[in-house]
Amino acid sequence: MTTIARRLVIRGRVQGVGYRYAMVGAARHAGVHGWVRNLPDGTVEAFVQGDGEAVLAIVAWSERGPPGAEVSAVEVADATPDASLEGFETRRGH
């Protein structure tokens, strides 16, 4: 298995709608590792790593999010995998 990593910035109505908690559930179900957090500008940032198909599935999930979210854009950037990450968690914002 080749591990890939992506950094996501999700824009739209994504704070106050359970986006982070839903992403944790989706990511754990997909078997990827990483984290998700709110940023002060109203966006959500996530770091996702794992098997290529699983990471791409979470990227696709992030484009719709949970019920109540209104995603207007997702910026996706390649990232370097972080071998220290285990599981998927919420983190405090910047």
PDB file of N, CA and C in Angstrom:
ATOM      1  N   MET A   1       0.843  -1.189   0.000  1.00  0.00           N
ATOM      2  CA  MET A   1       0.000   0.000   0.000  1.00  0.00           C
ATOM      3  C   MET A   1       0.884   1.248   0.000  1.00  0.00           C
ATOM      4  N   THR A   2       0.560   2.150  -0.888  1.00  0.00           N
ATOM      5  CA  THR A   2       1.262   3.423  -0.946  1.00  0.00           C
ATOM      6  C   THR A   2       0.467   4.461  -0.172  1.00  0.00           C
ATOM      7  N   THR A   3       1.118   5.101   0.780  1.00  0.00           N
ATOM      8  CA  THR A   3       0.465   6.128   1.583  1.00  0.00           C
ATOM      9  C   THR A   3       0.591   7.474   0.882  1.00  0.00           C
ATOM     10  N   ILE A   4      -0.539   8.160   0.751  1.00  0.00           N
ATOM     11  CA  ILE A   4      -0.543   9.520   0.223  1.00  0.00           C
ATOM     12  C   ILE A   4      -1.132  10.438   1.289  1.00  0.00           C
ATOM     13  N   ALA A   5      -0.887  11.720   1.152  1.00  0.00           N
ATOM     14  CA  ALA A   5      -1.440  12.692   2.099  1.00  0.00           C
ATOM     15  C   ALA A   5      -1.935  13.911   1.346  1.00  0.00           C
ATOM     16  N   ARG A   6      -3.007  14.501   1.873  1.00  0.00           N
ATOM     17  CA  ARG A   6      -3.572  15.716   1.300  1.00  0.00           C
ATOM     18  C   ARG A   6      -3.935  16.673   2.430  1.00  0.00           C
ATOM     19  N   ARG A   7      -3.726  17.958   2.159  1.00  0.00           N
ATOM     20  CA  ARG A   7      -4.179  19.027   3.062  1.00  0.00           C
ATOM     21  C   ARG A   7      -5.395  19.652   2.402  1.00  0.00           C
ATOM     22  N   LEU A   8      -6.472  19.774   3.154  1.00  0.00           N
ATOM     23  CA  LEU A   8      -7.724  20.311   2.627  1.00  0.00           C
ATOM     24  C   LEU A   8      -8.089  21.586   3.369  1.00  0.00           C
ATOM     25  N   VAL A   9      -8.609  22.546   2.640  1.00  0.00           N
ATOM     26  CA  VAL A   9      -9.243  23.717   3.240  1.00  0.00           C
ATOM     27  C   VAL A   9     -10.643  23.776   2.647  1.00  0.00           C
ATOM     28  N   ILE A  10     -11.636  23.652   3.516  1.00  0.00           N
ATOM     29  CA  ILE A  10     -13.024  23.581   3.089  1.00  0.00           C
ATOM     30  C   ILE A  10     -13.696  24.908   3.399  1.00  0.00           C
ATOM     31  N   ARG A  11     -14.338  25.485   2.377  1.00  0.00           N
ATOM     32  CA  ARG A  11     -14.992  26.792   2.506  1.00  0.00           C
ATOM     33  C   ARG A  11     -16.504  26.650   2.364  1.00  0.00           C
ATOM     34  N   GLY A  12     -17.201  27.602   2.936  1.00  0.00           N
ATOM     35  CA  GLY A  12     -18.655  27.618   2.865  1.00  0.00           C
ATOM     36  C   GLY A  12     -19.228  27.654   4.270  1.00  0.00           C
ATOM     37  N   ARG A  13     -20.445  27.153   4.412  1.00  0.00           N
ATOM     38  CA  ARG A  13     -21.064  27.055   5.748  1.00  0.00           C
ATOM     39  C   ARG A  13     -20.636  25.711   6.334  1.00  0.00           C
ATOM     40  N   VAL A  14     -19.467  25.724   6.972  1.00  0.00           N
ATOM     41  CA  VAL A  14     -18.876  24.475   7.447  1.00  0.00           C
ATOM     42  C   VAL A  14     -18.535  24.498   8.936  1.00  0.00           C
ATOM     43  N   GLN A  15     -18.798  25.601   9.603  1.00  0.00           N
ATOM     44  CA  GLN A  15     -18.622  25.651  11.054  1.00  0.00           C
ATOM     45  C   GLN A  15     -19.994  25.774  11.696  1.00  0.00           C
ATOM     46  N   GLY A  16     -20.165  25.101  12.824  1.00  0.00           N
ATOM     47  CA  GLY A  16     -21.445  25.143  13.526  1.00  0.00           C
ATOM     48  C   GLY A  16     -22.478  24.188  12.974  1.00  0.00           C
ATOM     49  N   VAL A  17     -22.055  23.252  12.111  1.00  0.00           N
ATOM     50  CA  VAL A  17     -22.986  22.295  11.507  1.00  0.00           C
ATOM     51  C   VAL A  17     -22.539  20.848  11.733  1.00  0.00           C
ATOM     52  N   GLY A  18     -21.566  20.637  12.615  1.00  0.00           N
ATOM     53  CA  GLY A  18     -21.082  19.290  12.900  1.00  0.00           C
ATOM     54  C   GLY A  18     -20.131  18.735  11.857  1.00  0.00           C
ATOM     55  N   TYR A  19     -19.547  19.628  11.055  1.00  0.00           N
ATOM     56  CA  TYR A  19     -18.679  19.179   9.962  1.00  0.00           C
ATOM     57  C   TYR A  19     -17.484  18.366  10.478  1.00  0.00           C
ATOM     58  N   ARG A  20     -16.787  18.903  11.469  1.00  0.00           N
ATOM     59  CA  ARG A  20     -15.582  18.216  11.968  1.00  0.00           C
ATOM     60  C   ARG A  20     -15.913  16.833  12.515  1.00  0.00           C
ATOM     61  N   TYR A  21     -16.971  16.743  13.301  1.00  0.00           N
ATOM     62  CA  TYR A  21     -17.315  15.466  13.911  1.00  0.00           C
ATOM     63  C   TYR A  21     -17.761  14.448  12.868  1.00  0.00           C
ATOM     64  N   ALA A  22     -18.487  14.918  11.858  1.00  0.00           N
ATOM     65  CA  ALA A  22     -18.888  14.025  10.777  1.00  0.00           C
ATOM     66  C   ALA A  22     -17.671  13.567   9.977  1.00  0.00           C
ATOM     67  N   MET A  23     -16.704  14.470   9.780  1.00  0.00           N
ATOM     68  CA  MET A  23     -15.502  14.083   9.046  1.00  0.00           C
ATOM     69  C   MET A  23     -14.709  13.045   9.825  1.00  0.00           C
ATOM     70  N   VAL A  24     -14.631  13.185  11.138  1.00  0.00           N
ATOM     71  CA  VAL A  24     -13.937  12.185  11.948  1.00  0.00           C
ATOM     72  C   VAL A  24     -14.574  10.808  11.722  1.00  0.00           C
ATOM     73  N   GLY A  25     -15.884  10.740  11.748  1.00  0.00           N
ATOM     74  CA  GLY A  25     -16.578   9.469  11.521  1.00  0.00           C
ATOM     75  C   GLY A  25     -16.317   8.906  10.139  1.00  0.00           C
ATOM     76  N   ALA A  26     -16.392   9.764   9.122  1.00  0.00           N
ATOM     77  CA  ALA A  26     -16.152   9.312   7.749  1.00  0.00           C
ATOM     78  C   ALA A  26     -14.706   8.854   7.573  1.00  0.00           C
ATOM     79  N   ALA A  27     -13.771   9.591   8.163  1.00  0.00           N
ATOM     80  CA  ALA A  27     -12.353   9.251   8.020  1.00  0.00           C
ATOM     81  C   ALA A  27     -12.028   7.943   8.738  1.00  0.00           C
ATOM     82  N   ARG A  28     -12.562   7.771   9.926  1.00  0.00           N
ATOM     83  CA  ARG A  28     -12.318   6.520  10.653  1.00  0.00           C
ATOM     84  C   ARG A  28     -12.919   5.343   9.903  1.00  0.00           C
ATOM     85  N   HIS A  29     -14.102   5.528   9.340  1.00  0.00           N
ATOM     86  CA  HIS A  29     -14.743   4.475   8.554  1.00  0.00           C
ATOM     87  C   HIS A  29     -13.896   4.125   7.328  1.00  0.00           C
ATOM     88  N   ALA A  30     -13.280   5.128   6.707  1.00  0.00           N
ATOM     89  CA  ALA A  30     -12.444   4.909   5.515  1.00  0.00           C
ATOM     90  C   ALA A  30     -11.071   4.340   5.878  1.00  0.00           C
ATOM     91  N   GLY A  31     -10.691   4.453   7.148  1.00  0.00           N
ATOM     92  CA  GLY A  31      -9.409   3.919   7.581  1.00  0.00           C
ATOM     93  C   GLY A  31      -8.220   4.831   7.336  1.00  0.00           C
ATOM     94  N   VAL A  32      -8.482   6.141   7.240  1.00  0.00           N
ATOM     95  CA  VAL A  32      -7.382   7.086   7.044  1.00  0.00           C
ATOM     96  C   VAL A  32      -6.970   7.690   8.381  1.00  0.00           C
ATOM     97  N   HIS A  33      -5.809   8.308   8.405  1.00  0.00           N
ATOM     98  CA  HIS A  33      -5.279   8.960   9.601  1.00  0.00           C
ATOM     99  C   HIS A  33      -5.203  10.460   9.341  1.00  0.00           C
ATOM    100  N   GLY A  34      -5.216  11.237  10.433  1.00  0.00           N
ATOM    101  CA  GLY A  34      -5.057  12.678  10.278  1.00  0.00           C
ATOM    102  C   GLY A  34      -5.835  13.450  11.310  1.00  0.00           C
ATOM    103  N   TRP A  35      -6.226  14.655  10.931  1.00  0.00           N
ATOM    104  CA  TRP A  35      -6.916  15.549  11.846  1.00  0.00           C
ATOM    105  C   TRP A  35      -7.750  16.559  11.067  1.00  0.00           C
ATOM    106  N   VAL A  36      -8.652  17.219  11.799  1.00  0.00           N
ATOM    107  CA  VAL A  36      -9.496  18.266  11.231  1.00  0.00           C
ATOM    108  C   VAL A  36      -9.672  19.344  12.297  1.00  0.00           C
ATOM    109  N   ARG A  37      -9.721  20.612  11.868  1.00  0.00           N
ATOM    110  CA  ARG A  37      -9.892  21.721  12.824  1.00  0.00           C
ATOM    111  C   ARG A  37     -10.573  22.897  12.144  1.00  0.00           C
ATOM    112  N   ASN A  38     -11.225  23.726  12.976  1.00  0.00           N
ATOM    113  CA  ASN A  38     -11.789  24.992  12.515  1.00  0.00           C
ATOM    114  C   ASN A  38     -10.681  26.034  12.465  1.00  0.00           C
ATOM    115  N   LEU A  39     -10.762  26.929  11.500  1.00  0.00           N
ATOM    116  CA  LEU A  39      -9.848  28.064  11.429  1.00  0.00           C
ATOM    117  C   LEU A  39     -10.624  29.346  11.722  1.00  0.00           C
ATOM    118  N   PRO A  40      -9.933  30.386  12.191  1.00  0.00           N
ATOM    119  CA  PRO A  40     -10.614  31.628  12.584  1.00  0.00           C
ATOM    120  C   PRO A  40     -11.394  32.305  11.449  1.00  0.00           C
ATOM    121  N   ASP A  41     -11.015  32.048  10.195  1.00  0.00           N
ATOM    122  CA  ASP A  41     -11.692  32.706   9.074  1.00  0.00           C
ATOM    123  C   ASP A  41     -12.993  32.014   8.651  1.00  0.00           C
ATOM    124  N   GLY A  42     -13.419  30.994   9.410  1.00  0.00           N
ATOM    125  CA  GLY A  42     -14.674  30.304   9.103  1.00  0.00           C
ATOM    126  C   GLY A  42     -14.502  29.073   8.235  1.00  0.00           C
ATOM    127  N   THR A  43     -13.277  28.766   7.840  1.00  0.00           N
ATOM    128  CA  THR A  43     -13.023  27.564   7.055  1.00  0.00           C
ATOM    129  C   THR A  43     -12.700  26.400   7.978  1.00  0.00           C
ATOM    130  N   VAL A  44     -12.644  25.218   7.398  1.00  0.00           N
ATOM    131  CA  VAL A  44     -12.211  24.013   8.097  1.00  0.00           C
ATOM    132  C   VAL A  44     -10.976  23.502   7.373  1.00  0.00           C
ATOM    133  N   GLU A  45      -9.944  23.142   8.144  1.00  0.00           N
ATOM    134  CA  GLU A  45      -8.712  22.590   7.580  1.00  0.00           C
ATOM    135  C   GLU A  45      -8.599  21.135   8.010  1.00  0.00           C
ATOM    136  N   ALA A  46      -8.135  20.280   7.109  1.00  0.00           N
ATOM    137  CA  ALA A  46      -7.943  18.876   7.439  1.00  0.00           C
ATOM    138  C   ALA A  46      -6.651  18.372   6.812  1.00  0.00           C
ATOM    139  N   PHE A  47      -6.036  17.404   7.469  1.00  0.00           N
ATOM    140  CA  PHE A  47      -4.886  16.688   6.950  1.00  0.00           C
ATOM    141  C   PHE A  47      -5.289  15.221   6.939  1.00  0.00           C
ATOM    142  N   VAL A  48      -5.241  14.610   5.770  1.00  0.00           N
ATOM    143  CA  VAL A  48      -5.718  13.240   5.595  1.00  0.00           C
ATOM    144  C   VAL A  48      -4.622  12.422   4.933  1.00  0.00           C
ATOM    145  N   GLN A  49      -4.312  11.251   5.497  1.00  0.00           N
ATOM    146  CA  GLN A  49      -3.321  10.388   4.868  1.00  0.00           C
ATOM    147  C   GLN A  49      -3.744   8.934   4.985  1.00  0.00           C
ATOM    148  N   GLY A  50      -3.278   8.140   4.026  1.00  0.00           N
ATOM    149  CA  GLY A  50      -3.588   6.716   4.023  1.00  0.00           C
ATOM    150  C   GLY A  50      -3.508   6.172   2.617  1.00  0.00           C
ATOM    151  N   ASP A  51      -4.188   5.060   2.408  1.00  0.00           N
ATOM    152  CA  ASP A  51      -4.275   4.446   1.092  1.00  0.00           C
ATOM    153  C   ASP A  51      -4.893   5.443   0.109  1.00  0.00           C
ATOM    154  N   GLY A  52      -4.367   5.483  -1.103  1.00  0.00           N
ATOM    155  CA  GLY A  52      -4.814   6.467  -2.086  1.00  0.00           C
ATOM    156  C   GLY A  52      -6.311   6.515  -2.297  1.00  0.00           C
ATOM    157  N   GLU A  53      -6.952   5.346  -2.469  1.00  0.00           N
ATOM    158  CA  GLU A  53      -8.395   5.323  -2.699  1.00  0.00           C
ATOM    159  C   GLU A  53      -9.159   5.867  -1.504  1.00  0.00           C
ATOM    160  N   ALA A  54      -8.711   5.520  -0.298  1.00  0.00           N
ATOM    161  CA  ALA A  54      -9.390   5.986   0.912  1.00  0.00           C
ATOM    162  C   ALA A  54      -9.252   7.493   1.072  1.00  0.00           C
ATOM    163  N   VAL A  55      -8.067   8.026   0.804  1.00  0.00           N
ATOM    164  CA  VAL A  55      -7.864   9.476   0.898  1.00  0.00           C
ATOM    165  C   VAL A  55      -8.745  10.194  -0.117  1.00  0.00           C
ATOM    166  N   LEU A  56      -8.780   9.688  -1.344  1.00  0.00           N
ATOM    167  CA  LEU A  56      -9.615  10.332  -2.368  1.00  0.00           C
ATOM    168  C   LEU A  56     -11.100  10.242  -2.017  1.00  0.00           C
ATOM    169  N   ALA A  57     -11.500   9.165  -1.336  1.00  0.00           N
ATOM    170  CA  ALA A  57     -12.898   9.058  -0.893  1.00  0.00           C
ATOM    171  C   ALA A  57     -13.221  10.143   0.134  1.00  0.00           C
ATOM    172  N   ILE A  58     -12.285  10.446   1.031  1.00  0.00           N
ATOM    173  CA  ILE A  58     -12.517  11.503   2.020  1.00  0.00           C
ATOM    174  C   ILE A  58     -12.497  12.877   1.350  1.00  0.00           C
ATOM    175  N   VAL A  59     -11.638  13.065   0.366  1.00  0.00           N
ATOM    176  CA  VAL A  59     -11.656  14.325  -0.389  1.00  0.00           C
ATOM    177  C   VAL A  59     -13.033  14.506  -1.030  1.00  0.00           C
ATOM    178  N   ALA A  60     -13.560  13.450  -1.639  1.00  0.00           N
ATOM    179  CA  ALA A  60     -14.892  13.533  -2.254  1.00  0.00           C
ATOM    180  C   ALA A  60     -15.963  13.806  -1.194  1.00  0.00           C
ATOM    181  N   TRP A  61     -15.873  13.142  -0.035  1.00  0.00           N
ATOM    182  CA  TRP A  61     -16.826  13.386   1.050  1.00  0.00           C
ATOM    183  C   TRP A  61     -16.776  14.846   1.480  1.00  0.00           C
ATOM    184  N   SER A  62     -15.562  15.405   1.566  1.00  0.00           N
ATOM    185  CA  SER A  62     -15.402  16.786   2.051  1.00  0.00           C
ATOM    186  C   SER A  62     -16.101  17.792   1.152  1.00  0.00           C
ATOM    187  N   GLU A  63     -16.316  17.446  -0.096  1.00  0.00           N
ATOM    188  CA  GLU A  63     -16.978  18.355  -1.039  1.00  0.00           C
ATOM    189  C   GLU A  63     -18.471  18.480  -0.773  1.00  0.00           C
ATOM    190  N   ARG A  64     -19.046  17.535  -0.036  1.00  0.00           N
ATOM    191  CA  ARG A  64     -20.471  17.645   0.313  1.00  0.00           C
ATOM    192  C   ARG A  64     -20.661  17.825   1.814  1.00  0.00           C
ATOM    193  N   GLY A  65     -19.848  17.131   2.642  1.00  0.00           N
ATOM    194  CA  GLY A  65     -19.946  17.260   4.089  1.00  0.00           C
ATOM    195  C   GLY A  65     -21.217  16.650   4.634  1.00  0.00           C
ATOM    196  N   PRO A  66     -21.519  16.915   5.895  1.00  0.00           N
ATOM    197  CA  PRO A  66     -22.716  16.359   6.536  1.00  0.00           C
ATOM    198  C   PRO A  66     -23.962  17.170   6.171  1.00  0.00           C
ATOM    199  N   PRO A  67     -25.145  16.636   6.488  1.00  0.00           N
ATOM    200  CA  PRO A  67     -26.360  17.432   6.296  1.00  0.00           C
ATOM    201  C   PRO A  67     -26.225  18.746   7.069  1.00  0.00           C
ATOM    202  N   GLY A  68     -26.656  19.827   6.478  1.00  0.00           N
ATOM    203  CA  GLY A  68     -26.561  21.139   7.114  1.00  0.00           C
ATOM    204  C   GLY A  68     -25.374  21.949   6.632  1.00  0.00           C
ATOM    205  N   ALA A  69     -24.359  21.275   6.117  1.00  0.00           N
ATOM    206  CA  ALA A  69     -23.203  21.995   5.577  1.00  0.00           C
ATOM    207  C   ALA A  69     -23.514  22.474   4.163  1.00  0.00           C
ATOM    208  N   GLU A  70     -22.927  23.589   3.811  1.00  0.00           N
ATOM    209  CA  GLU A  70     -23.021  24.115   2.441  1.00  0.00           C
ATOM    210  C   GLU A  70     -21.598  24.408   1.979  1.00  0.00           C
ATOM    211  N   VAL A  71     -20.983  23.418   1.358  1.00  0.00           N
ATOM    212  CA  VAL A  71     -19.596  23.542   0.917  1.00  0.00           C
ATOM    213  C   VAL A  71     -19.562  24.306  -0.398  1.00  0.00           C
ATOM    214  N   SER A  72     -18.795  25.392  -0.423  1.00  0.00           N
ATOM    215  CA  SER A  72     -18.672  26.175  -1.655  1.00  0.00           C
ATOM    216  C   SER A  72     -17.391  25.868  -2.410  1.00  0.00           C
ATOM    217  N   ALA A  73     -16.344  25.403  -1.703  1.00  0.00           N
ATOM    218  CA  ALA A  73     -15.080  25.071  -2.367  1.00  0.00           C
ATOM    219  C   ALA A  73     -14.227  24.235  -1.432  1.00  0.00           C
ATOM    220  N   VAL A  74     -13.407  23.388  -2.033  1.00  0.00           N
ATOM    221  CA  VAL A  74     -12.415  22.616  -1.282  1.00  0.00           C
ATOM    222  C   VAL A  74     -11.082  22.772  -1.996  1.00  0.00           C
ATOM    223  N   GLU A  75     -10.117  23.338  -1.290  1.00  0.00           N
ATOM    224  CA  GLU A  75      -8.755  23.435  -1.820  1.00  0.00           C
ATOM    225  C   GLU A  75      -8.020  22.175  -1.389  1.00  0.00           C
ATOM    226  N   VAL A  76      -7.408  21.488  -2.335  1.00  0.00           N
ATOM    227  CA  VAL A  76      -6.700  20.241  -2.056  1.00  0.00           C
ATOM    228  C   VAL A  76      -5.251  20.414  -2.472  1.00  0.00           C
ATOM    229  N   ALA A  77      -4.333  20.127  -1.559  1.00  0.00           N
ATOM    230  CA  ALA A  77      -2.902  20.230  -1.852  1.00  0.00           C
ATOM    231  C   ALA A  77      -2.212  18.939  -1.430  1.00  0.00           C
ATOM    232  N   ASP A  78      -1.264  18.492  -2.249  1.00  0.00           N
ATOM    233  CA  ASP A  78      -0.443  17.351  -1.866  1.00  0.00           C
ATOM    234  C   ASP A  78       0.314  17.698  -0.598  1.00  0.00           C
ATOM    235  N   ALA A  79       0.538  16.704   0.241  1.00  0.00           N
ATOM    236  CA  ALA A  79       1.270  16.901   1.496  1.00  0.00           C
ATOM    237  C   ALA A  79       2.198  15.710   1.710  1.00  0.00           C
ATOM    238  N   THR A  80       3.150  15.896   2.587  1.00  0.00           N
ATOM    239  CA  THR A  80       4.067  14.829   2.955  1.00  0.00           C
ATOM    240  C   THR A  80       3.446  14.012   4.079  1.00  0.00           C
ATOM    241  N   PRO A  81       3.354  12.693   3.920  1.00  0.00           N
ATOM    242  CA  PRO A  81       2.791  11.874   4.992  1.00  0.00           C
ATOM    243  C   PRO A  81       3.546  12.062   6.309  1.00  0.00           C
ATOM    244  N   ASP A  82       2.819  11.970   7.415  1.00  0.00           N
ATOM    245  CA  ASP A  82       3.370  12.125   8.758  1.00  0.00           C
ATOM    246  C   ASP A  82       3.248  10.779   9.469  1.00  0.00           C
ATOM    247  N   ALA A  83       4.362  10.065   9.578  1.00  0.00           N
ATOM    248  CA  ALA A  83       4.358   8.722  10.155  1.00  0.00           C
ATOM    249  C   ALA A  83       3.926   8.704  11.621  1.00  0.00           C
ATOM    250  N   SER A  84       3.922   9.848  12.293  1.00  0.00           N
ATOM    251  CA  SER A  84       3.553   9.880  13.704  1.00  0.00           C
ATOM    252  C   SER A  84       2.040   9.873  13.929  1.00  0.00           C
ATOM    253  N   LEU A  85       1.265  10.082  12.874  1.00  0.00           N
ATOM    254  CA  LEU A  85      -0.192  10.145  13.041  1.00  0.00           C
ATOM    255  C   LEU A  85      -0.801   8.760  13.178  1.00  0.00           C
ATOM    256  N   GLU A  86      -1.685   8.622  14.155  1.00  0.00           N
ATOM    257  CA  GLU A  86      -2.464   7.406  14.327  1.00  0.00           C
ATOM    258  C   GLU A  86      -3.911   7.821  14.562  1.00  0.00           C
ATOM    259  N   GLY A  87      -4.820   7.198  13.863  1.00  0.00           N
ATOM    260  CA  GLY A  87      -6.226   7.530  14.013  1.00  0.00           C
ATOM    261  C   GLY A  87      -6.561   8.855  13.336  1.00  0.00           C
ATOM    262  N   PHE A  88      -7.767   9.347  13.624  1.00  0.00           N
ATOM    263  CA  PHE A  88      -8.234  10.614  13.056  1.00  0.00           C
ATOM    264  C   PHE A  88      -8.931  11.376  14.171  1.00  0.00           C
ATOM    265  N   GLU A  89      -8.567  12.650  14.357  1.00  0.00           N
ATOM    266  CA  GLU A  89      -9.064  13.410  15.497  1.00  0.00           C
ATOM    267  C   GLU A  89      -9.392  14.842  15.128  1.00  0.00           C
ATOM    268  N   THR A  90     -10.162  15.505  15.999  1.00  0.00           N
ATOM    269  CA  THR A  90     -10.351  16.936  15.881  1.00  0.00           C
ATOM    270  C   THR A  90      -9.227  17.609  16.647  1.00  0.00           C
ATOM    271  N   ARG A  91      -8.811  18.748  16.158  1.00  0.00           N
ATOM    272  CA  ARG A  91      -7.782  19.559  16.833  1.00  0.00           C
ATOM    273  C   ARG A  91      -8.334  20.948  17.041  1.00  0.00           C
ATOM    274  N   ARG A  92      -7.723  21.639  17.978  1.00  0.00           N
ATOM    275  CA  ARG A  92      -8.076  23.051  18.206  1.00  0.00           C
ATOM    276  C   ARG A  92      -7.576  23.867  17.029  1.00  0.00           C
ATOM    277  N   GLY A  93      -8.336  24.900  16.668  1.00  0.00           N
ATOM    278  CA  GLY A  93      -7.939  25.781  15.579  1.00  0.00           C
ATOM    279  C   GLY A  93      -6.728  26.622  15.915  1.00  0.00           C
ATOM    280  N   HIS A  94      -6.248  27.343  14.930  1.00  0.00           N
ATOM    281  CA  HIS A  94      -5.091  28.240  15.124  1.00  0.00           C
ATOM    282  C   HIS A  94      -5.447  29.356  16.071  1.00  0.00           C
TER     283      HIS A  94
END
